[in-house]
PDB file of N, CA and C in Angstrom:
ATOM      1  N   LEU A   1     141.348  72.381  52.835  1.00  0.00           N
ATOM      2  CA  LEU A   1     142.385  72.699  52.397  1.00  0.00           C
ATOM      3  C   LEU A   1     143.222  72.170  51.351  1.00  0.00           C
ATOM      4  N   VAL A   2     143.393  73.269  50.406  1.00  0.00           N
ATOM      5  CA  VAL A   2     144.533  72.762  49.311  1.00  0.00           C
ATOM      6  C   VAL A   2     146.036  73.101  49.184  1.00  0.00           C
ATOM      7  N   LEU A   3     146.574  72.785  49.311  1.00  0.00           N
ATOM      8  CA  LEU A   3     147.715  73.434  48.698  1.00  0.00           C
ATOM      9  C   LEU A   3     148.449  72.793  47.324  1.00  0.00           C
ATOM     10  N   SER A   4     149.006  73.915  46.866  1.00  0.00           N
ATOM     11  CA  SER A   4     149.576  73.445  45.452  1.00  0.00           C
ATOM     12  C   SER A   4     151.021  73.701  45.206  1.00  0.00           C
ATOM     13  N   PHE A   5     151.595  72.868  44.306  1.00  0.00           N
ATOM     14  CA  PHE A   5     152.995  73.050  44.337  1.00  0.00           C
ATOM     15  C   PHE A   5     152.953  72.605  42.622  1.00  0.00           C
ATOM     16  N   ASP A   6     153.562  73.829  42.067  1.00  0.00           N
ATOM     17  CA  ASP A   6     153.775  73.795  40.694  1.00  0.00           C
ATOM     18  C   ASP A   6     154.692  73.954  40.147  1.00  0.00           C
ATOM     19  N   LYS A   7     155.502  72.957  39.330  1.00  0.00           N
ATOM     20  CA  LYS A   7     156.698  72.754  38.743  1.00  0.00           C
ATOM     21  C   LYS A   7     156.548  71.981  37.439  1.00  0.00           C
ATOM     22  N   LYS A   8     157.262  72.940  36.414  1.00  0.00           N
ATOM     23  CA  LYS A   8     156.770  72.476  35.166  1.00  0.00           C
ATOM     24  C   LYS A   8     155.718  71.663  34.853  1.00  0.00           C
ATOM     25  N   ASN A   9     154.863  72.246  34.834  1.00  0.00           N
ATOM     26  CA  ASN A   9     152.993  72.159  34.671  1.00  0.00           C
ATOM     27  C   ASN A   9     152.758  71.093  35.500  1.00  0.00           C
ATOM     28  N   ALA A  10     153.118  70.569  36.661  1.00  0.00           N
ATOM     29  CA  ALA A  10     152.661  69.444  37.143  1.00  0.00           C
ATOM     30  C   ALA A  10     152.156  70.306  38.259  1.00  0.00           C
ATOM     31  N   ILE A  11     150.960  69.620  38.839  1.00  0.00           N
ATOM     32  CA  ILE A  11     150.236  70.402  40.088  1.00  0.00           C
ATOM     33  C   ILE A  11     150.090  69.255  41.068  1.00  0.00           C
ATOM     34  N   VAL A  12     150.642  69.173  42.193  1.00  0.00           N
ATOM     35  CA  VAL A  12     150.437  68.171  43.375  1.00  0.00           C
ATOM     36  C   VAL A  12     149.611  69.032  44.323  1.00  0.00           C
ATOM     37  N   GLU A  13     148.538  68.011  44.899  1.00  0.00           N
ATOM     38  CA  GLU A  13     147.562  68.817  45.670  1.00  0.00           C
ATOM     39  C   GLU A  13     147.464  68.094  46.877  1.00  0.00           C
ATOM     40  N   LEU A  14     147.445  68.467  47.534  1.00  0.00           N
ATOM     41  CA  LEU A  14     147.430  67.737  49.527  1.00  0.00           C
ATOM     42  C   LEU A  14     145.980  68.692  50.000  1.00  0.00           C
ATOM     43  N   LYS A  15     144.919  67.498  50.326  1.00  0.00           N
ATOM     44  CA  LYS A  15     143.419  68.298  50.581  1.00  0.00           C
ATOM     45  C   LYS A  15     142.923  66.891  51.446  1.00  0.00           C
ATOM     46  N   ILE A  16     142.341  67.276  52.559  1.00  0.00           N
ATOM     47  CA  ILE A  16     141.674  66.539  53.512  1.00  0.00           C
ATOM     48  C   ILE A  16     140.493  65.962  52.779  1.00  0.00           C
ATOM     49  N   VAL A  17     140.420  64.584  52.627  1.00  0.00           N
ATOM     50  CA  VAL A  17     139.327  63.882  52.010  1.00  0.00           C
ATOM     51  C   VAL A  17     138.193  63.196  53.308  1.00  0.00           C
ATOM     52  N   TYR A  18     137.208  63.627  53.592  1.00  0.00           N
ATOM     53  CA  TYR A  18     136.298  63.174  54.206  1.00  0.00           C
ATOM     54  C   TYR A  18     135.836  61.820  54.162  1.00  0.00           C
ATOM     55  N   ARG A  19     135.964  60.576  55.092  1.00  0.00           N
ATOM     56  CA  ARG A  19     135.263  59.228  54.554  1.00  0.00           C
ATOM     57  C   ARG A  19     133.851  59.515  54.452  1.00  0.00           C
ATOM     58  N   LYS A  20     133.418  58.506  53.569  1.00  0.00           N
ATOM     59  CA  LYS A  20     131.750  58.270  53.220  1.00  0.00           C
ATOM     60  C   LYS A  20     131.168  58.386  54.258  1.00  0.00           C
ATOM     61  N   ARG A  21     129.728  58.594  54.275  1.00  0.00           N
ATOM     62  CA  ARG A  21     129.262  58.155  55.324  1.00  0.00           C
ATOM     63  C   ARG A  21     129.326  56.588  56.247  1.00  0.00           C
ATOM     64  N   THR A  22     128.751  56.570  57.401  1.00  0.00           N
ATOM     65  CA  THR A  22     129.381  55.110  57.784  1.00  0.00           C
ATOM     66  C   THR A  22     127.999  54.324  57.735  1.00  0.00           C
ATOM     67  N   ASN A  23     128.570  53.100  57.531  1.00  0.00           N
ATOM     68  CA  ASN A  23     127.299  52.172  57.357  1.00  0.00           C
ATOM     69  C   ASN A  23     126.008  52.394  59.155  1.00  0.00           C
ATOM     70  N   GLU A  24     126.854  52.622  59.634  1.00  0.00           N
ATOM     71  CA  GLU A  24     125.875  52.597  61.418  1.00  0.00           C
ATOM     72  C   GLU A  24     125.298  53.873  60.751  1.00  0.00           C
ATOM     73  N   GLN A  25     125.471  55.342  60.179  1.00  0.00           N
ATOM     74  CA  GLN A  25     124.639  56.338  59.888  1.00  0.00           C
ATOM     75  C   GLN A  25     123.524  55.855  58.624  1.00  0.00           C
ATOM     76  N   ASN A  26     124.547  55.283  57.579  1.00  0.00           N
ATOM     77  CA  ASN A  26     122.700  54.943  56.618  1.00  0.00           C
ATOM     78  C   ASN A  26     121.863  54.134  57.507  1.00  0.00           C
ATOM     79  N   SER A  27     122.056  53.354  58.139  1.00  0.00           N
ATOM     80  CA  SER A  27     121.143  52.465  58.964  1.00  0.00           C
ATOM     81  C   SER A  27     120.299  53.039  59.917  1.00  0.00           C
ATOM     82  N   TYR A  28     120.930  54.288  60.536  1.00  0.00           N
ATOM     83  CA  TYR A  28     120.027  55.050  61.410  1.00  0.00           C
ATOM     84  C   TYR A  28     119.513  55.627  60.812  1.00  0.00           C
ATOM     85  N   ILE A  29     119.870  56.496  59.703  1.00  0.00           N
ATOM     86  CA  ILE A  29     118.777  57.861  59.092  1.00  0.00           C
ATOM     87  C   ILE A  29     117.834  56.475  58.265  1.00  0.00           C
ATOM     88  N   HIS A  30     117.939  55.427  57.890  1.00  0.00           N
ATOM     89  CA  HIS A  30     116.715  55.076  57.267  1.00  0.00           C
ATOM     90  C   HIS A  30     115.691  54.562  58.334  1.00  0.00           C
ATOM     91  N   VAL A  31     116.226  54.504  59.594  1.00  0.00           N
ATOM     92  CA  VAL A  31     115.024  54.420  60.662  1.00  0.00           C
ATOM     93  C   VAL A  31     114.763  55.829  61.067  1.00  0.00           C
ATOM     94  N   LEU A  32     115.126  56.836  60.790  1.00  0.00           N
ATOM     95  CA  LEU A  32     114.487  58.038  61.163  1.00  0.00           C
ATOM     96  C   LEU A  32     113.425  58.352  59.652  1.00  0.00           C
ATOM     97  N   PHE A  33     113.872  57.896  58.559  1.00  0.00           N
ATOM     98  CA  PHE A  33     113.226  57.872  57.998  1.00  0.00           C
ATOM     99  C   PHE A  33     111.867  57.273  57.625  1.00  0.00           C
ATOM    100  N   GLY A  34     112.105  56.125  58.285  1.00  0.00           N
ATOM    101  CA  GLY A  34     110.721  54.991  58.228  1.00  0.00           C
ATOM    102  C   GLY A  34     110.244  55.564  59.746  1.00  0.00           C
ATOM    103  N   LEU A  35     110.093  55.997  60.584  1.00  0.00           N
ATOM    104  CA  LEU A  35     109.609  56.493  61.694  1.00  0.00           C
ATOM    105  C   LEU A  35     108.783  57.873  60.900  1.00  0.00           C
ATOM    106  N   TYR A  36     109.246  58.608  60.677  1.00  0.00           N
ATOM    107  CA  TYR A  36     108.855  59.782  59.934  1.00  0.00           C
ATOM    108  C   TYR A  36     107.612  59.722  59.166  1.00  0.00           C
ATOM    109  N   ALA A  37     108.136  58.733  57.913  1.00  0.00           N
ATOM    110  CA  ALA A  37     106.806  58.395  57.430  1.00  0.00           C
ATOM    111  C   ALA A  37     105.913  57.346  57.925  1.00  0.00           C
ATOM    112  N   ILE A  38     105.796  56.598  58.975  1.00  0.00           N
ATOM    113  CA  ILE A  38     104.891  56.316  59.677  1.00  0.00           C
ATOM    114  C   ILE A  38     103.928  57.092  60.518  1.00  0.00           C
ATOM    115  N   ASN A  39     104.850  58.072  60.838  1.00  0.00           N
ATOM    116  CA  ASN A  39     104.045  59.451  62.018  1.00  0.00           C
ATOM    117  C   ASN A  39     103.436  60.350  61.135  1.00  0.00           C
ATOM    118  N   PHE A  40     103.604  60.472  60.169  1.00  0.00           N
ATOM    119  CA  PHE A  40     103.141  61.642  59.362  1.00  0.00           C
ATOM    120  C   PHE A  40     102.274  60.836  58.077  1.00  0.00           C
ATOM    121  N   GLY A  41     102.566  59.542  57.673  1.00  0.00           N
ATOM    122  CA  GLY A  41     101.319  58.980  56.626  1.00  0.00           C
ATOM    123  C   GLY A  41     101.842  58.984  55.212  1.00  0.00           C
ATOM    124  N   TYR A  42     103.311  59.262  55.335  1.00  0.00           N
ATOM    125  CA  TYR A  42     103.854  59.051  53.674  1.00  0.00           C
ATOM    126  C   TYR A  42     104.967  57.677  53.316  1.00  0.00           C
ATOM    127  N   THR A  43     104.824  57.270  52.189  1.00  0.00           N
ATOM    128  CA  THR A  43     105.651  56.010  51.847  1.00  0.00           C
ATOM    129  C   THR A  43     107.333  56.203  52.327  1.00  0.00           C
ATOM    130  N   LEU A  44     107.781  55.256  52.238  1.00  0.00           N
ATOM    131  CA  LEU A  44     109.204  56.087  52.948  1.00  0.00           C
ATOM    132  C   LEU A  44     109.836  56.454  51.751  1.00  0.00           C
ATOM    133  N   GLU A  45     109.248  56.130  50.419  1.00  0.00           N
ATOM    134  CA  GLU A  45     110.186  57.309  49.182  1.00  0.00           C
ATOM    135  C   GLU A  45     109.724  58.603  49.517  1.00  0.00           C
ATOM    136  N   GLU A  46     108.546  58.987  49.972  1.00  0.00           N
ATOM    137  CA  GLU A  46     107.675  59.964  50.150  1.00  0.00           C
ATOM    138  C   GLU A  46     108.495  61.074  50.813  1.00  0.00           C
ATOM    139  N   ALA A  47     108.561  60.064  52.091  1.00  0.00           N
ATOM    140  CA  ALA A  47     109.437  60.725  53.162  1.00  0.00           C
ATOM    141  C   ALA A  47     110.863  61.318  52.927  1.00  0.00           C
ATOM    142  N   LYS A  48     111.225  60.307  52.143  1.00  0.00           N
ATOM    143  CA  LYS A  48     113.031  60.844  52.136  1.00  0.00           C
ATOM    144  C   LYS A  48     112.849  62.370  51.195  1.00  0.00           C
ATOM    145  N   HIS A  49     111.964  61.598  50.037  1.00  0.00           N
ATOM    146  CA  HIS A  49     111.795  63.252  49.028  1.00  0.00           C
ATOM    147  C   HIS A  49     111.823  64.608  49.539  1.00  0.00           C
ATOM    148  N   LEU A  50     110.676  64.194  50.903  1.00  0.00           N
ATOM    149  CA  LEU A  50     109.972  65.488  51.189  1.00  0.00           C
ATOM    150  C   LEU A  50     111.436  66.080  51.971  1.00  0.00           C
ATOM    151  N   ILE A  51     111.537  65.436  52.942  1.00  0.00           N
ATOM    152  CA  ILE A  51     112.399  65.927  54.126  1.00  0.00           C
ATOM    153  C   ILE A  51     113.725  66.109  53.506  1.00  0.00           C
ATOM    154  N   LYS A  52     114.529  65.588  52.448  1.00  0.00           N
ATOM    155  CA  LYS A  52     115.275  66.046  51.641  1.00  0.00           C
ATOM    156  C   LYS A  52     115.280  67.518  50.909  1.00  0.00           C
ATOM    157  N   SER A  53     113.824  67.440  50.405  1.00  0.00           N
ATOM    158  CA  SER A  53     113.887  68.619  49.757  1.00  0.00           C
ATOM    159  C   SER A  53     113.560  70.142  50.425  1.00  0.00           C
ATOM    160  N   LYS A  54     113.445  69.686  51.995  1.00  0.00           N
ATOM    161  CA  LYS A  54     113.245  70.393  52.629  1.00  0.00           C
ATOM    162  C   LYS A  54     114.653  71.059  53.475  1.00  0.00           C
ATOM    163  N   CYS A  55     115.922  70.201  53.236  1.00  0.00           N
ATOM    164  CA  CYS A  55     116.883  70.514  54.068  1.00  0.00           C
ATOM    165  C   CYS A  55     118.067  71.058  53.024  1.00  0.00           C
ATOM    166  N   HIS A  56     118.164  72.508  53.711  1.00  0.00           N
ATOM    167  CA  HIS A  56     118.931  73.189  52.945  1.00  0.00           C
ATOM    168  C   HIS A  56     120.696  72.634  52.262  1.00  0.00           C
ATOM    169  N   LEU A  57     120.996  71.886  53.550  1.00  0.00           N
ATOM    170  CA  LEU A  57     122.149  71.252  53.689  1.00  0.00           C
ATOM    171  C   LEU A  57     122.257  70.263  52.401  1.00  0.00           C
ATOM    172  N   LEU A  58     121.347  69.692  51.949  1.00  0.00           N
ATOM    173  CA  LEU A  58     121.387  69.201  50.681  1.00  0.00           C
ATOM    174  C   LEU A  58     121.337  69.686  49.240  1.00  0.00           C
ATOM    175  N   HIS A  59     121.197  70.883  49.292  1.00  0.00           N
ATOM    176  CA  HIS A  59     120.830  71.403  48.277  1.00  0.00           C
ATOM    177  C   HIS A  59     122.153  71.985  47.381  1.00  0.00           C
ATOM    178  N   TYR A  60     122.026  72.240  46.123  1.00  0.00           N
ATOM    179  CA  TYR A  60     123.055  73.239  45.309  1.00  0.00           C
ATOM    180  C   TYR A  60     122.713  73.520  44.198  1.00  0.00           C
ATOM    181  N   GLU A  61     123.148  74.111  43.403  1.00  0.00           N
ATOM    182  CA  GLU A  61     122.450  75.045  42.505  1.00  0.00           C
ATOM    183  C   GLU A  61     123.281  74.842  41.121  1.00  0.00           C
ATOM    184  N   LYS A  62     122.804  74.438  40.008  1.00  0.00           N
ATOM    185  CA  LYS A  62     123.679  74.407  38.694  1.00  0.00           C
ATOM    186  C   LYS A  62     122.693  75.362  37.552  1.00  0.00           C
ATOM    187  N   LYS A  63     123.169  76.035  36.944  1.00  0.00           N
ATOM    188  CA  LYS A  63     122.677  76.430  36.225  1.00  0.00           C
ATOM    189  C   LYS A  63     121.061  77.259  36.463  1.00  0.00           C
ATOM    190  N   SER A  64     121.472  77.779  37.256  1.00  0.00           N
ATOM    191  CA  SER A  64     120.308  78.958  38.114  1.00  0.00           C
ATOM    192  C   SER A  64     118.998  77.480  38.705  1.00  0.00           C
ATOM    193  N   GLU A  65     119.246  76.092  38.397  1.00  0.00           N
ATOM    194  CA  GLU A  65     118.213  75.135  39.376  1.00  0.00           C
ATOM    195  C   GLU A  65     119.228  74.775  40.272  1.00  0.00           C
ATOM    196  N   ILE A  66     117.470  74.179  41.301  1.00  0.00           N
ATOM    197  CA  ILE A  66     118.475  73.968  42.367  1.00  0.00           C
ATOM    198  C   ILE A  66     117.963  72.594  42.188  1.00  0.00           C
ATOM    199  N   PHE A  67     118.931  71.729  42.981  1.00  0.00           N
ATOM    200  CA  PHE A  67     118.878  70.163  42.830  1.00  0.00           C
ATOM    201  C   PHE A  67     119.196  69.781  43.837  1.00  0.00           C
ATOM    202  N   VAL A  68     118.888  68.652  44.657  1.00  0.00           N
ATOM    203  CA  VAL A  68     119.009  67.709  45.713  1.00  0.00           C
ATOM    204  C   VAL A  68     120.202  66.843  45.959  1.00  0.00           C
ATOM    205  N   ARG A  69     120.708  66.935  46.850  1.00  0.00           N
ATOM    206  CA  ARG A  69     121.768  65.783  46.550  1.00  0.00           C
ATOM    207  C   ARG A  69     121.575  64.440  47.565  1.00  0.00           C
ATOM    208  N   SER A  70     122.235  63.532  46.393  1.00  0.00           N
ATOM    209  CA  SER A  70     121.719  61.957  47.459  1.00  0.00           C
ATOM    210  C   SER A  70     122.529  61.728  48.937  1.00  0.00           C
ATOM    211  N   THR A  71     121.876  61.293  49.743  1.00  0.00           N
ATOM    212  CA  THR A  71     122.649  60.931  50.826  1.00  0.00           C
ATOM    213  C   THR A  71     123.746  60.104  50.949  1.00  0.00           C
ATOM    214  N   ALA A  72     123.729  59.132  49.402  1.00  0.00           N
ATOM    215  CA  ALA A  72     124.875  58.496  49.586  1.00  0.00           C
ATOM    216  C   ALA A  72     126.104  59.609  48.978  1.00  0.00           C
ATOM    217  N   SER A  73     126.138  60.476  48.765  1.00  0.00           N
ATOM    218  CA  SER A  73     127.560  61.238  48.304  1.00  0.00           C
ATOM    219  C   SER A  73     127.765  62.424  49.528  1.00  0.00           C
ATOM    220  N   LEU A  74     127.296  61.837  50.919  1.00  0.00           N
ATOM    221  CA  LEU A  74     127.313  62.885  51.789  1.00  0.00           C
ATOM    222  C   LEU A  74     129.029  62.288  52.923  1.00  0.00           C
ATOM    223  N   ASP A  75     129.329  63.101  53.062  1.00  0.00           N
ATOM    224  CA  ASP A  75     130.814  62.228  54.141  1.00  0.00           C
ATOM    225  C   ASP A  75     129.968  62.123  55.458  1.00  0.00           C
ATOM    226  N   VAL A  76     131.292  61.955  56.051  1.00  0.00           N
ATOM    227  CA  VAL A  76     130.354  61.376  57.574  1.00  0.00           C
ATOM    228  C   VAL A  76     130.126  62.858  58.066  1.00  0.00           C
ATOM    229  N   LEU A  77     130.696  64.195  58.344  1.00  0.00           N
ATOM    230  CA  LEU A  77     130.482  65.162  58.710  1.00  0.00           C
ATOM    231  C   LEU A  77     129.219  65.449  58.056  1.00  0.00           C
ATOM    232  N   GLU A  78     128.847  65.516  56.769  1.00  0.00           N
ATOM    233  CA  GLU A  78     127.794  66.143  56.346  1.00  0.00           C
ATOM    234  C   GLU A  78     126.900  65.474  56.700  1.00  0.00           C
ATOM    235  N   MET A  79     126.961  64.129  56.559  1.00  0.00           N
ATOM    236  CA  MET A  79     125.693  63.113  57.230  1.00  0.00           C
ATOM    237  C   MET A  79     125.716  63.479  58.515  1.00  0.00           C
ATOM    238  N   THR A  80     126.404  63.920  59.330  1.00  0.00           N
ATOM    239  CA  THR A  80     126.197  63.803  60.690  1.00  0.00           C
ATOM    240  C   THR A  80     125.100  65.096  60.683  1.00  0.00           C
ATOM    241  N   ASN A  81     125.714  66.035  60.051  1.00  0.00           N
ATOM    242  CA  ASN A  81     125.053  67.417  59.983  1.00  0.00           C
ATOM    243  C   ASN A  81     123.152  67.728  59.809  1.00  0.00           C
ATOM    244  N   PHE A  82     123.161  66.911  58.517  1.00  0.00           N
ATOM    245  CA  PHE A  82     121.747  66.089  58.188  1.00  0.00           C
ATOM    246  C   PHE A  82     121.098  65.465  59.006  1.00  0.00           C
ATOM    247  N   ILE A  83     121.515  64.460  59.982  1.00  0.00           N
ATOM    248  CA  ILE A  83     120.618  64.000  60.795  1.00  0.00           C
ATOM    249  C   ILE A  83     120.131  64.729  61.794  1.00  0.00           C
ATOM    250  N   GLU A  84     121.204  65.553  62.460  1.00  0.00           N
ATOM    251  CA  GLU A  84     121.010  66.477  63.447  1.00  0.00           C
ATOM    252  C   GLU A  84     120.269  67.604  63.037  1.00  0.00           C
ATOM    253  N   TRP A  85     120.121  68.222  61.311  1.00  0.00           N
ATOM    254  CA  TRP A  85     118.951  68.673  60.938  1.00  0.00           C
ATOM    255  C   TRP A  85     117.951  67.996  60.924  1.00  0.00           C
ATOM    256  N   PHE A  86     117.611  66.697  60.493  1.00  0.00           N
ATOM    257  CA  PHE A  86     116.516  66.144  60.462  1.00  0.00           C
ATOM    258  C   PHE A  86     115.707  66.003  61.831  1.00  0.00           C
ATOM    259  N   ARG A  87     116.564  65.841  62.964  1.00  0.00           N
ATOM    260  CA  ARG A  87     115.865  65.565  63.786  1.00  0.00           C
ATOM    261  C   ARG A  87     115.267  66.870  64.744  1.00  0.00           C
ATOM    262  N   ASN A  88     115.880  67.917  64.249  1.00  0.00           N
ATOM    263  CA  ASN A  88     115.443  68.946  65.060  1.00  0.00           C
ATOM    264  C   ASN A  88     114.228  69.472  63.855  1.00  0.00           C
ATOM    265  N   HIS A  89     114.233  69.538  62.585  1.00  0.00           N
ATOM    266  CA  HIS A  89     112.869  69.469  61.665  1.00  0.00           C
ATOM    267  C   HIS A  89     112.163  68.833  62.280  1.00  0.00           C
ATOM    268  N   SER A  90     111.515  67.781  62.396  1.00  0.00           N
ATOM    269  CA  SER A  90     111.084  66.696  62.911  1.00  0.00           C
ATOM    270  C   SER A  90     110.641  67.354  64.106  1.00  0.00           C
ATOM    271  N   SER A  91     111.045  67.639  65.037  1.00  0.00           N
ATOM    272  CA  SER A  91     111.015  67.835  66.528  1.00  0.00           C
ATOM    273  C   SER A  91     109.927  69.228  66.495  1.00  0.00           C
ATOM    274  N   GLN A  92     110.512  69.967  65.415  1.00  0.00           N
ATOM    275  CA  GLN A  92     109.589  70.941  65.256  1.00  0.00           C
ATOM    276  C   GLN A  92     108.353  70.973  64.649  1.00  0.00           C
ATOM    277  N   GLU A  93     107.697  69.836  63.894  1.00  0.00           N
ATOM    278  CA  GLU A  93     106.794  69.398  63.209  1.00  0.00           C
ATOM    279  C   GLU A  93     106.079  68.453  64.768  1.00  0.00           C
ATOM    280  N   GLY A  94     106.514  68.028  65.758  1.00  0.00           N
ATOM    281  CA  GLY A  94     105.983  67.468  66.552  1.00  0.00           C
ATOM    282  C   GLY A  94     106.394  65.750  66.831  1.00  0.00           C
ATOM    283  N   LEU A  95     107.563  65.573  66.122  1.00  0.00           N
ATOM    284  CA  LEU A  95     107.610  63.924  65.924  1.00  0.00           C
ATOM    285  C   LEU A  95     108.885  64.117  66.729  1.00  0.00           C
ATOM    286  N   TYR A  96     109.455  63.399  67.934  1.00  0.00           N
ATOM    287  CA  TYR A  96     110.959  63.266  68.243  1.00  0.00           C
ATOM    288  C   TYR A  96     111.200  62.196  68.006  1.00  0.00           C
ATOM    289  N   LEU A  97     112.738  61.984  67.328  1.00  0.00           N
ATOM    290  CA  LEU A  97     113.439  61.067  66.436  1.00  0.00           C
ATOM    291  C   LEU A  97     114.152  61.239  67.585  1.00  0.00           C
ATOM    292  N   PRO A  98     114.568  59.010  67.650  1.00  0.00           N
ATOM    293  CA  PRO A  98     115.232  59.207  69.119  1.00  0.00           C
ATOM    294  C   PRO A  98     116.560  59.562  68.225  1.00  0.00           C
ATOM    295  N   THR A  99     117.723  59.649  69.115  1.00  0.00           N
ATOM    296  CA  THR A  99     119.323  59.627  68.865  1.00  0.00           C
ATOM    297  C   THR A  99     119.542  58.303  69.102  1.00  0.00           C
ATOM    298  N   PRO A 100     120.830  58.437  68.161  1.00  0.00           N
ATOM    299  CA  PRO A 100     121.468  57.212  67.853  1.00  0.00           C
ATOM    300  C   PRO A 100     121.564  56.362  68.835  1.00  0.00           C
ATOM    301  N   GLU A 101     122.062  56.749  70.278  1.00  0.00           N
ATOM    302  CA  GLU A 101     122.155  56.226  71.556  1.00  0.00           C
ATOM    303  C   GLU A 101     120.826  55.278  71.853  1.00  0.00           C
ATOM    304  N   GLU A 102     119.304  56.036  71.727  1.00  0.00           N
ATOM    305  CA  GLU A 102     118.279  55.491  72.287  1.00  0.00           C
ATOM    306  C   GLU A 102     118.128  55.006  71.337  1.00  0.00           C
ATOM    307  N   TYR A 103     118.199  54.545  70.163  1.00  0.00           N
ATOM    308  CA  TYR A 103     118.302  53.766  68.950  1.00  0.00           C
ATOM    309  C   TYR A 103     118.589  52.318  69.266  1.00  0.00           C
ATOM    310  N   LYS A 104     119.961  52.745  69.846  1.00  0.00           N
ATOM    311  CA  LYS A 104     120.535  51.303  70.049  1.00  0.00           C
ATOM    312  C   LYS A 104     120.217  50.869  71.092  1.00  0.00           C
ATOM    313  N   THR A 105     119.293  51.117  72.275  1.00  0.00           N
ATOM    314  CA  THR A 105     119.040  51.067  73.413  1.00  0.00           C
ATOM    315  C   THR A 105     117.638  49.831  73.455  1.00  0.00           C
ATOM    316  N   ASN A 106     117.059  51.004  72.301  1.00  0.00           N
ATOM    317  CA  ASN A 106     115.569  50.431  71.978  1.00  0.00           C
ATOM    318  C   ASN A 106     115.270  49.885  70.442  1.00  0.00           C
ATOM    319  N   GLN A 107     116.519  49.008  70.017  1.00  0.00           N
ATOM    320  CA  GLN A 107     116.637  48.680  68.770  1.00  0.00           C
ATOM    321  C   GLN A 107     115.521  47.936  68.545  1.00  0.00           C
ATOM    322  N   LEU A 108     115.068  46.897  69.324  1.00  0.00           N
ATOM    323  CA  LEU A 108     114.380  45.977  68.430  1.00  0.00           C
ATOM    324  C   LEU A 108     112.888  46.627  68.816  1.00  0.00           C
ATOM    325  N   TYR A 109     112.487  47.130  69.767  1.00  0.00           N
ATOM    326  CA  TYR A 109     110.985  47.894  69.780  1.00  0.00           C
ATOM    327  C   TYR A 109     110.807  48.915  68.537  1.00  0.00           C
ATOM    328  N   ILE A 110     112.030  49.370  68.924  1.00  0.00           N
ATOM    329  CA  ILE A 110     111.888  50.537  67.445  1.00  0.00           C
ATOM    330  C   ILE A 110     111.969  49.748  65.749  1.00  0.00           C
ATOM    331  N   ASP A 111     112.618  48.981  65.434  1.00  0.00           N
ATOM    332  CA  ASP A 111     112.754  48.019  64.189  1.00  0.00           C
ATOM    333  C   ASP A 111     111.280  47.297  63.889  1.00  0.00           C
ATOM    334  N   GLU A 112     110.691  47.138  64.976  1.00  0.00           N
ATOM    335  CA  GLU A 112     109.362  46.238  65.125  1.00  0.00           C
ATOM    336  C   GLU A 112     108.363  46.858  64.870  1.00  0.00           C
ATOM    337  N   GLN A 113     108.178  48.408  64.844  1.00  0.00           N
ATOM    338  CA  GLN A 113     107.549  49.622  64.888  1.00  0.00           C
ATOM    339  C   GLN A 113     107.434  49.678  63.450  1.00  0.00           C
ATOM    340  N   ILE A 114     108.618  49.367  62.851  1.00  0.00           N
ATOM    341  CA  ILE A 114     108.828  50.105  60.928  1.00  0.00           C
ATOM    342  C   ILE A 114     108.068  48.710  60.508  1.00  0.00           C
ATOM    343  N   ARG A 115     108.343  47.656  61.132  1.00  0.00           N
ATOM    344  CA  ARG A 115     107.803  46.256  60.186  1.00  0.00           C
ATOM    345  C   ARG A 115     106.820  45.938  60.563  1.00  0.00           C
ATOM    346  N   SER A 116     106.104  46.467  61.571  1.00  0.00           N
ATOM    347  CA  SER A 116     104.755  45.939  61.271  1.00  0.00           C
ATOM    348  C   SER A 116     103.914  46.910  60.374  1.00  0.00           C
ATOM    349  N   CYS A 117     104.617  48.324  59.941  1.00  0.00           N
ATOM    350  CA  CYS A 117     104.007  49.100  58.988  1.00  0.00           C
ATOM    351  C   CYS A 117     104.548  49.264  57.646  1.00  0.00           C
ATOM    352  N   ASN A 118     105.356  48.150  57.373  1.00  0.00           N
ATOM    353  CA  ASN A 118     105.879  47.757  56.172  1.00  0.00           C
ATOM    354  C   ASN A 118     105.067  47.909  55.042  1.00  0.00           C
ATOM    355  N   GLU A 119     104.258  47.290  55.066  1.00  0.00           N
ATOM    356  CA  GLU A 119     102.995  47.297  53.904  1.00  0.00           C
ATOM    357  C   GLU A 119     102.507  48.757  53.508  1.00  0.00           C
ATOM    358  N   TYR A 120     102.637  49.898  54.268  1.00  0.00           N
ATOM    359  CA  TYR A 120     102.214  51.113  54.134  1.00  0.00           C
ATOM    360  C   TYR A 120     103.823  51.822  53.477  1.00  0.00           C
ATOM    361  N   LEU A 121     104.899  51.328  53.956  1.00  0.00           N
ATOM    362  CA  LEU A 121     105.674  52.069  53.366  1.00  0.00           C
ATOM    363  C   LEU A 121     106.546  51.803  52.027  1.00  0.00           C
TER     364      LEU A 121
END
């Protein structure tokens, strides 16, 4: 929503700005990338690249070329939508990724699972 007021070549805009992704979202998405990488035999960077390149929510076009946004640029709502897309996509590929609540409940086990595969990530 952008409201503009023009007076003597001055413009005042009022717009809604969503805050950037939360630290919790950032930590959680990295856990999901780690689990995905372990399950499908990718490095962490390969998994990130693959998932982000498949997700239409992160694509933008410039000069007839398609680019992929960094998750660092996402706001809270965009990150929530990306996480939901990622979990659904992963499920379609045969891997269930835990919800944030399931991760919190099983955090020690999941973190250890990722840590034990760290040399491959």
